[in-house]
All heavy atoms as atom14 arrays in JSON, in Angstrom:
{
  "sequence": "LGEEVNEDAHRVADEGRRAMQDAERRIALLEKQAE",
  "atom14_mask": [
    [1, 1, 1, 1, 1, 1, 1, 1, 0, 0, 0, 0, 0, 0],
    [1, 1, 1, 1, 0, 0, 0, 0, 0, 0, 0, 0, 0, 0],
    [1, 1, 1, 1, 1, 1, 1, 1, 1, 0, 0, 0, 0, 0],
    [1, 1, 1, 1, 1, 1, 1, 1, 1, 0, 0, 0, 0, 0],
    [1, 1, 1, 1, 1, 1, 1, 0, 0, 0, 0, 0, 0, 0],
    [1, 1, 1, 1, 1, 1, 1, 1, 0, 0, 0, 0, 0, 0],
    [1, 1, 1, 1, 1, 1, 1, 1, 1, 0, 0, 0, 0, 0],
    [1, 1, 1, 1, 1, 1, 1, 1, 0, 0, 0, 0, 0, 0],
    [1, 1, 1, 1, 1, 0, 0, 0, 0, 0, 0, 0, 0, 0],
    [1, 1, 1, 1, 1, 1, 1, 1, 1, 1, 0, 0, 0, 0],
    [1, 1, 1, 1, 1, 1, 1, 1, 1, 1, 1, 0, 0, 0],
    [1, 1, 1, 1, 1, 1, 1, 0, 0, 0, 0, 0, 0, 0],
    [1, 1, 1, 1, 1, 0, 0, 0, 0, 0, 0, 0, 0, 0],
    [1, 1, 1, 1, 1, 1, 1, 1, 0, 0, 0, 0, 0, 0],
    [1, 1, 1, 1, 1, 1, 1, 1, 1, 0, 0, 0, 0, 0],
    [1, 1, 1, 1, 0, 0, 0, 0, 0, 0, 0, 0, 0, 0],
    [1, 1, 1, 1, 1, 1, 1, 1, 1, 1, 1, 0, 0, 0],
    [1, 1, 1, 1, 1, 1, 1, 1, 1, 1, 1, 0, 0, 0],
    [1, 1, 1, 1, 1, 0, 0, 0, 0, 0, 0, 0, 0, 0],
    [1, 1, 1, 1, 1, 1, 1, 1, 0, 0, 0, 0, 0, 0],
    [1, 1, 1, 1, 1, 1, 1, 1, 1, 0, 0, 0, 0, 0],
    [1, 1, 1, 1, 1, 1, 1, 1, 0, 0, 0, 0, 0, 0],
    [1, 1, 1, 1, 1, 0, 0, 0, 0, 0, 0, 0, 0, 0],
    [1, 1, 1, 1, 1, 1, 1, 1, 1, 0, 0, 0, 0, 0],
    [1, 1, 1, 1, 1, 1, 1, 1, 1, 1, 1, 0, 0, 0],
    [1, 1, 1, 1, 1, 1, 1, 1, 1, 1, 1, 0, 0, 0],
    [1, 1, 1, 1, 1, 1, 1, 1, 0, 0, 0, 0, 0, 0],
    [1, 1, 1, 1, 1, 0, 0, 0, 0, 0, 0, 0, 0, 0],
    [1, 1, 1, 1, 1, 1, 1, 1, 0, 0, 0, 0, 0, 0],
    [1, 1, 1, 1, 1, 1, 1, 1, 0, 0, 0, 0, 0, 0],
    [1, 1, 1, 1, 1, 1, 1, 1, 1, 0, 0, 0, 0, 0],
    [1, 1, 1, 1, 1, 1, 1, 1, 1, 0, 0, 0, 0, 0],
    [1, 1, 1, 1, 1, 1, 1, 1, 1, 0, 0, 0, 0, 0],
    [1, 1, 1, 1, 1, 0, 0, 0, 0, 0, 0, 0, 0, 0],
    [1, 1, 1, 1, 1, 1, 1, 1, 1, 0, 0, 0, 0, 0]
  ],
  "atom14_positions": [
    [[119.39, 94.27, 108.68], [119.21, 92.93, 108.13], [117.77, 92.47, 108.27], [117.23, 91.81, 107.39], [120.15, 91.94, 108.82], [121.63, 92.06, 108.44], [122.46, 91.11, 109.28], [121.84, 91.77, 106.97], [0.0, 0.0, 0.0], [0.0, 0.0, 0.0], [0.0, 0.0, 0.0], [0.0, 0.0, 0.0], [0.0, 0.0, 0.0], [0.0, 0.0, 0.0]],
    [[117.15, 92.82, 109.4], [115.75, 92.47, 109.6], [114.87, 93.09, 108.54], [113.96, 92.45, 108.0], [0.0, 0.0, 0.0], [0.0, 0.0, 0.0], [0.0, 0.0, 0.0], [0.0, 0.0, 0.0], [0.0, 0.0, 0.0], [0.0, 0.0, 0.0], [0.0, 0.0, 0.0], [0.0, 0.0, 0.0], [0.0, 0.0, 0.0], [0.0, 0.0, 0.0]],
    [[115.15, 94.35, 108.21], [114.39, 95.03, 107.16], [114.63, 94.36, 105.81], [113.69, 94.18, 105.03], [114.78, 96.5, 107.09], [114.32, 97.31, 108.29], [114.86, 98.73, 108.29], [115.47, 99.14, 107.29], [114.66, 99.41, 109.31], [0.0, 0.0, 0.0], [0.0, 0.0, 0.0], [0.0, 0.0, 0.0], [0.0, 0.0, 0.0], [0.0, 0.0, 0.0]],
    [[115.88, 93.99, 105.53], [116.19, 93.32, 104.26], [115.47, 91.98, 104.16], [114.9, 91.65, 103.12], [117.69, 93.11, 104.13], [118.48, 94.37, 103.88], [119.98, 94.12, 103.83], [120.4, 92.97, 103.61], [120.74, 95.09, 104.03], [0.0, 0.0, 0.0], [0.0, 0.0, 0.0], [0.0, 0.0, 0.0], [0.0, 0.0, 0.0], [0.0, 0.0, 0.0]],
    [[115.48, 91.22, 105.25], [114.8, 89.92, 105.26], [113.3, 90.12, 105.07], [112.64, 89.39, 104.32], [115.09, 89.16, 106.57], [114.17, 87.97, 106.74], [116.55, 88.71, 106.6], [0.0, 0.0, 0.0], [0.0, 0.0, 0.0], [0.0, 0.0, 0.0], [0.0, 0.0, 0.0], [0.0, 0.0, 0.0], [0.0, 0.0, 0.0], [0.0, 0.0, 0.0]],
    [[112.76, 91.14, 105.73], [111.33, 91.43, 105.6], [110.99, 91.8, 104.16], [109.99, 91.33, 103.61], [110.96, 92.56, 106.56], [109.48, 92.68, 106.78], [108.72, 91.77, 106.48], [109.05, 93.8, 107.3], [0.0, 0.0, 0.0], [0.0, 0.0, 0.0], [0.0, 0.0, 0.0], [0.0, 0.0, 0.0], [0.0, 0.0, 0.0], [0.0, 0.0, 0.0]],
    [[111.82, 92.62, 103.53], [111.59, 93.0, 102.14], [111.68, 91.78, 101.22], [110.86, 91.62, 100.31], [112.61, 94.05, 101.71], [112.4, 95.41, 102.35], [113.55, 96.37, 102.07], [114.47, 96.01, 101.32], [113.51, 97.49, 102.62], [0.0, 0.0, 0.0], [0.0, 0.0, 0.0], [0.0, 0.0, 0.0], [0.0, 0.0, 0.0], [0.0, 0.0, 0.0]],
    [[112.68, 90.92, 101.47], [112.81, 89.7, 100.66], [111.59, 88.8, 100.84], [111.1, 88.22, 99.86], [114.09, 88.94, 101.03], [115.35, 89.65, 100.56], [115.24, 90.56, 99.73], [116.44, 89.27, 101.03], [0.0, 0.0, 0.0], [0.0, 0.0, 0.0], [0.0, 0.0, 0.0], [0.0, 0.0, 0.0], [0.0, 0.0, 0.0], [0.0, 0.0, 0.0]],
    [[111.1, 88.68, 102.06], [109.94, 87.84, 102.31], [108.71, 88.38, 101.58], [107.94, 87.61, 100.98], [109.67, 87.75, 103.81], [0.0, 0.0, 0.0], [0.0, 0.0, 0.0], [0.0, 0.0, 0.0], [0.0, 0.0, 0.0], [0.0, 0.0, 0.0], [0.0, 0.0, 0.0], [0.0, 0.0, 0.0], [0.0, 0.0, 0.0], [0.0, 0.0, 0.0]],
    [[108.54, 89.69, 101.61], [107.41, 90.29, 100.88], [107.55, 90.08, 99.38], [106.56, 89.78, 98.7], [107.29, 91.78, 101.19], [106.71, 92.08, 102.53], [105.42, 91.77, 102.87], [107.26, 92.64, 103.64], [105.18, 92.13, 104.11], [106.3, 92.66, 104.61], [0.0, 0.0, 0.0], [0.0, 0.0, 0.0], [0.0, 0.0, 0.0], [0.0, 0.0, 0.0]],
    [[108.77, 90.22, 98.87], [108.99, 90.02, 97.44], [108.68, 88.59, 97.03], [108.0, 88.34, 96.03], [110.43, 90.39, 97.06], [110.65, 90.44, 95.56], [112.08, 90.77, 95.17], [112.92, 89.61, 95.38], [113.87, 89.49, 96.31], [114.12, 90.48, 97.12], [114.58, 88.4, 96.44], [0.0, 0.0, 0.0], [0.0, 0.0, 0.0], [0.0, 0.0, 0.0]],
    [[109.15, 87.62, 97.84], [108.89, 86.21, 97.53], [107.39, 85.91, 97.61], [106.84, 85.19, 96.78], [109.7, 85.3, 98.49], [109.24, 83.86, 98.4], [111.18, 85.39, 98.17], [0.0, 0.0, 0.0], [0.0, 0.0, 0.0], [0.0, 0.0, 0.0], [0.0, 0.0, 0.0], [0.0, 0.0, 0.0], [0.0, 0.0, 0.0], [0.0, 0.0, 0.0]],
    [[106.72, 86.48, 98.62], [105.27, 86.27, 98.74], [104.54, 86.85, 97.53], [103.61, 86.22, 97.01], [104.77, 86.91, 100.03], [0.0, 0.0, 0.0], [0.0, 0.0, 0.0], [0.0, 0.0, 0.0], [0.0, 0.0, 0.0], [0.0, 0.0, 0.0], [0.0, 0.0, 0.0], [0.0, 0.0, 0.0], [0.0, 0.0, 0.0], [0.0, 0.0, 0.0]],
    [[104.97, 88.02, 97.09], [104.34, 88.63, 95.91], [104.56, 87.77, 94.67], [103.64, 87.57, 93.87], [104.88, 90.04, 95.67], [104.4, 91.03, 96.71], [103.4, 90.73, 97.4], [105.03, 92.1, 96.84], [0.0, 0.0, 0.0], [0.0, 0.0, 0.0], [0.0, 0.0, 0.0], [0.0, 0.0, 0.0], [0.0, 0.0, 0.0], [0.0, 0.0, 0.0]],
    [[105.78, 87.26, 94.51], [106.07, 86.39, 93.35], [105.23, 85.11, 93.43], [104.71, 84.65, 92.41], [107.55, 86.05, 93.32], [108.43, 87.21, 92.92], [109.92, 86.87, 93.0], [110.26, 85.69, 93.22], [110.74, 87.8, 92.87], [0.0, 0.0, 0.0], [0.0, 0.0, 0.0], [0.0, 0.0, 0.0], [0.0, 0.0, 0.0], [0.0, 0.0, 0.0]],
    [[105.1, 84.56, 94.61], [104.27, 83.36, 94.78], [102.81, 83.63, 94.46], [102.13, 82.81, 93.83], [0.0, 0.0, 0.0], [0.0, 0.0, 0.0], [0.0, 0.0, 0.0], [0.0, 0.0, 0.0], [0.0, 0.0, 0.0], [0.0, 0.0, 0.0], [0.0, 0.0, 0.0], [0.0, 0.0, 0.0], [0.0, 0.0, 0.0], [0.0, 0.0, 0.0]],
    [[102.33, 84.79, 94.91], [100.95, 85.17, 94.63], [100.72, 85.33, 93.14], [99.72, 84.85, 92.6], [100.65, 86.49, 95.37], [99.19, 86.77, 95.55], [98.92, 87.99, 96.44], [99.45, 87.8, 97.79], [100.45, 88.52, 98.32], [101.01, 89.49, 97.62], [100.87, 88.29, 99.54], [0.0, 0.0, 0.0], [0.0, 0.0, 0.0], [0.0, 0.0, 0.0]],
    [[101.69, 85.96, 92.46], [101.56, 86.12, 91.0], [101.6, 84.76, 90.29], [100.84, 84.53, 89.36], [102.67, 87.02, 90.47], [102.4, 88.49, 90.66], [103.37, 89.34, 89.86], [104.75, 89.22, 90.34], [105.28, 89.98, 91.29], [104.56, 90.91, 91.86], [106.54, 89.81, 91.67], [0.0, 0.0, 0.0], [0.0, 0.0, 0.0], [0.0, 0.0, 0.0]],
    [[102.47, 83.87, 90.75], [102.56, 82.54, 90.14], [101.26, 81.77, 90.34], [100.79, 81.07, 89.44], [103.74, 81.76, 90.73], [0.0, 0.0, 0.0], [0.0, 0.0, 0.0], [0.0, 0.0, 0.0], [0.0, 0.0, 0.0], [0.0, 0.0, 0.0], [0.0, 0.0, 0.0], [0.0, 0.0, 0.0], [0.0, 0.0, 0.0], [0.0, 0.0, 0.0]],
    [[100.67, 81.9, 91.55], [99.41, 81.22, 91.83], [98.28, 81.77, 90.95], [97.47, 81.01, 90.42], [99.05, 81.38, 93.31], [97.85, 80.59, 93.7], [98.16, 78.85, 93.45], [97.91, 78.28, 95.07], [0.0, 0.0, 0.0], [0.0, 0.0, 0.0], [0.0, 0.0, 0.0], [0.0, 0.0, 0.0], [0.0, 0.0, 0.0], [0.0, 0.0, 0.0]],
    [[98.23, 83.08, 90.79], [97.22, 83.68, 89.93], [97.41, 83.25, 88.48], [96.43, 82.96, 87.78], [97.27, 85.21, 90.04], [96.78, 85.72, 91.37], [97.05, 87.21, 91.56], [97.81, 87.81, 90.8], [96.44, 87.8, 92.57], [0.0, 0.0, 0.0], [0.0, 0.0, 0.0], [0.0, 0.0, 0.0], [0.0, 0.0, 0.0], [0.0, 0.0, 0.0]],
    [[98.65, 83.15, 88.04], [98.93, 82.69, 86.68], [98.49, 81.24, 86.5], [97.89, 80.89, 85.49], [100.43, 82.84, 86.38], [100.76, 82.5, 84.95], [100.05, 82.97, 84.04], [101.73, 81.73, 84.73], [0.0, 0.0, 0.0], [0.0, 0.0, 0.0], [0.0, 0.0, 0.0], [0.0, 0.0, 0.0], [0.0, 0.0, 0.0], [0.0, 0.0, 0.0]],
    [[98.77, 80.4, 87.51], [98.36, 79.0, 87.43], [96.83, 78.89, 87.4], [96.27, 78.09, 86.64], [98.93, 78.22, 88.61], [0.0, 0.0, 0.0], [0.0, 0.0, 0.0], [0.0, 0.0, 0.0], [0.0, 0.0, 0.0], [0.0, 0.0, 0.0], [0.0, 0.0, 0.0], [0.0, 0.0, 0.0], [0.0, 0.0, 0.0], [0.0, 0.0, 0.0]],
    [[96.17, 79.68, 88.24], [94.7, 79.66, 88.24], [94.14, 80.08, 86.88], [93.18, 79.49, 86.38], [94.16, 80.59, 89.33], [94.36, 80.07, 90.73], [93.96, 81.08, 91.8], [93.67, 82.25, 91.44], [93.94, 80.7, 92.97], [0.0, 0.0, 0.0], [0.0, 0.0, 0.0], [0.0, 0.0, 0.0], [0.0, 0.0, 0.0], [0.0, 0.0, 0.0]],
    [[94.75, 81.1, 86.29], [94.3, 81.58, 84.98], [94.5, 80.49, 83.92], [93.62, 80.24, 83.09], [95.07, 82.84, 84.61], [94.61, 83.51, 83.35], [95.4, 84.78, 83.04], [96.85, 84.6, 83.1], [97.6, 84.04, 82.15], [97.02, 83.58, 81.06], [98.9, 83.93, 82.28], [0.0, 0.0, 0.0], [0.0, 0.0, 0.0], [0.0, 0.0, 0.0]],
    [[95.65, 79.83, 83.97], [95.91, 78.76, 82.99], [94.96, 77.59, 83.16], [94.5, 77.0, 82.19], [97.36, 78.28, 83.12], [98.36, 79.26, 82.61], [99.76, 78.74, 82.75], [100.74, 79.7, 82.28], [101.99, 79.41, 82.06], [102.44, 78.19, 82.27], [102.82, 80.34, 81.63], [0.0, 0.0, 0.0], [0.0, 0.0, 0.0], [0.0, 0.0, 0.0]],
    [[94.68, 77.22, 84.41], [93.76, 76.1, 84.67], [92.36, 76.46, 84.16], [91.68, 75.63, 83.55], [93.75, 75.75, 86.17], [95.07, 75.08, 86.54], [92.58, 74.85, 86.51], [95.26, 74.86, 88.02], [0.0, 0.0, 0.0], [0.0, 0.0, 0.0], [0.0, 0.0, 0.0], [0.0, 0.0, 0.0], [0.0, 0.0, 0.0], [0.0, 0.0, 0.0]],
    [[91.93, 77.69, 84.42], [90.62, 78.11, 83.92], [90.57, 78.05, 82.4], [89.56, 77.62, 81.81], [90.31, 79.52, 84.41], [0.0, 0.0, 0.0], [0.0, 0.0, 0.0], [0.0, 0.0, 0.0], [0.0, 0.0, 0.0], [0.0, 0.0, 0.0], [0.0, 0.0, 0.0], [0.0, 0.0, 0.0], [0.0, 0.0, 0.0], [0.0, 0.0, 0.0]],
    [[91.66, 78.46, 81.76], [91.72, 78.42, 80.3], [91.65, 76.96, 79.8], [90.92, 76.66, 78.85], [93.01, 79.08, 79.8], [93.22, 79.15, 78.3], [92.13, 79.99, 77.65], [94.59, 79.72, 77.98], [0.0, 0.0, 0.0], [0.0, 0.0, 0.0], [0.0, 0.0, 0.0], [0.0, 0.0, 0.0], [0.0, 0.0, 0.0], [0.0, 0.0, 0.0]],
    [[92.37, 76.06, 80.46], [92.32, 74.64, 80.07], [90.93, 74.06, 80.27], [90.46, 73.27, 79.45], [93.35, 73.84, 80.87], [94.81, 74.05, 80.49], [95.73, 73.33, 81.47], [95.06, 73.53, 79.08], [0.0, 0.0, 0.0], [0.0, 0.0, 0.0], [0.0, 0.0, 0.0], [0.0, 0.0, 0.0], [0.0, 0.0, 0.0], [0.0, 0.0, 0.0]],
    [[90.27, 74.43, 81.37], [88.9, 73.96, 81.6], [87.97, 74.41, 80.48], [87.16, 73.63, 79.97], [88.38, 74.48, 82.94], [88.97, 73.79, 84.14], [88.48, 74.41, 85.44], [87.77, 75.45, 85.42], [88.83, 73.85, 86.5], [0.0, 0.0, 0.0], [0.0, 0.0, 0.0], [0.0, 0.0, 0.0], [0.0, 0.0, 0.0], [0.0, 0.0, 0.0]],
    [[88.09, 75.68, 80.08], [87.25, 76.21, 79.01], [87.53, 75.49, 77.7], [86.61, 75.16, 76.94], [87.47, 77.71, 78.85], [86.87, 78.52, 79.96], [87.14, 80.0, 79.77], [86.62, 80.8, 80.95], [86.92, 82.23, 80.81], [0.0, 0.0, 0.0], [0.0, 0.0, 0.0], [0.0, 0.0, 0.0], [0.0, 0.0, 0.0], [0.0, 0.0, 0.0]],
    [[88.83, 75.23, 77.43], [89.18, 74.53, 76.19], [88.63, 73.1, 76.19], [88.12, 72.63, 75.17], [90.7, 74.5, 76.01], [91.28, 75.84, 75.64], [92.8, 75.8, 75.58], [93.44, 74.87, 76.06], [93.39, 76.85, 75.0], [0.0, 0.0, 0.0], [0.0, 0.0, 0.0], [0.0, 0.0, 0.0], [0.0, 0.0, 0.0], [0.0, 0.0, 0.0]],
    [[88.73, 72.42, 77.32], [88.21, 71.05, 77.41], [86.69, 71.04, 77.25], [86.13, 70.2, 76.54], [88.6, 70.42, 78.74], [0.0, 0.0, 0.0], [0.0, 0.0, 0.0], [0.0, 0.0, 0.0], [0.0, 0.0, 0.0], [0.0, 0.0, 0.0], [0.0, 0.0, 0.0], [0.0, 0.0, 0.0], [0.0, 0.0, 0.0], [0.0, 0.0, 0.0]],
    [[86.03, 72.0, 77.9], [84.58, 72.09, 77.79], [84.16, 72.36, 76.35], [83.21, 71.75, 75.83], [84.1, 73.23, 78.71], [82.63, 73.22, 79.0], [82.28, 74.27, 80.03], [82.89, 74.26, 81.12], [81.4, 75.11, 79.72], [0.0, 0.0, 0.0], [0.0, 0.0, 0.0], [0.0, 0.0, 0.0], [0.0, 0.0, 0.0], [0.0, 0.0, 0.0]]
  ]
}
């Protein structure tokens, strides 16, 4: 169970990291469009 929880935590962290990178990319795109 500890291994499963650890794997789930890594998966959630990876998904969060991808979502943050996507948000940063979108914000940069909006900044360029506004400029």
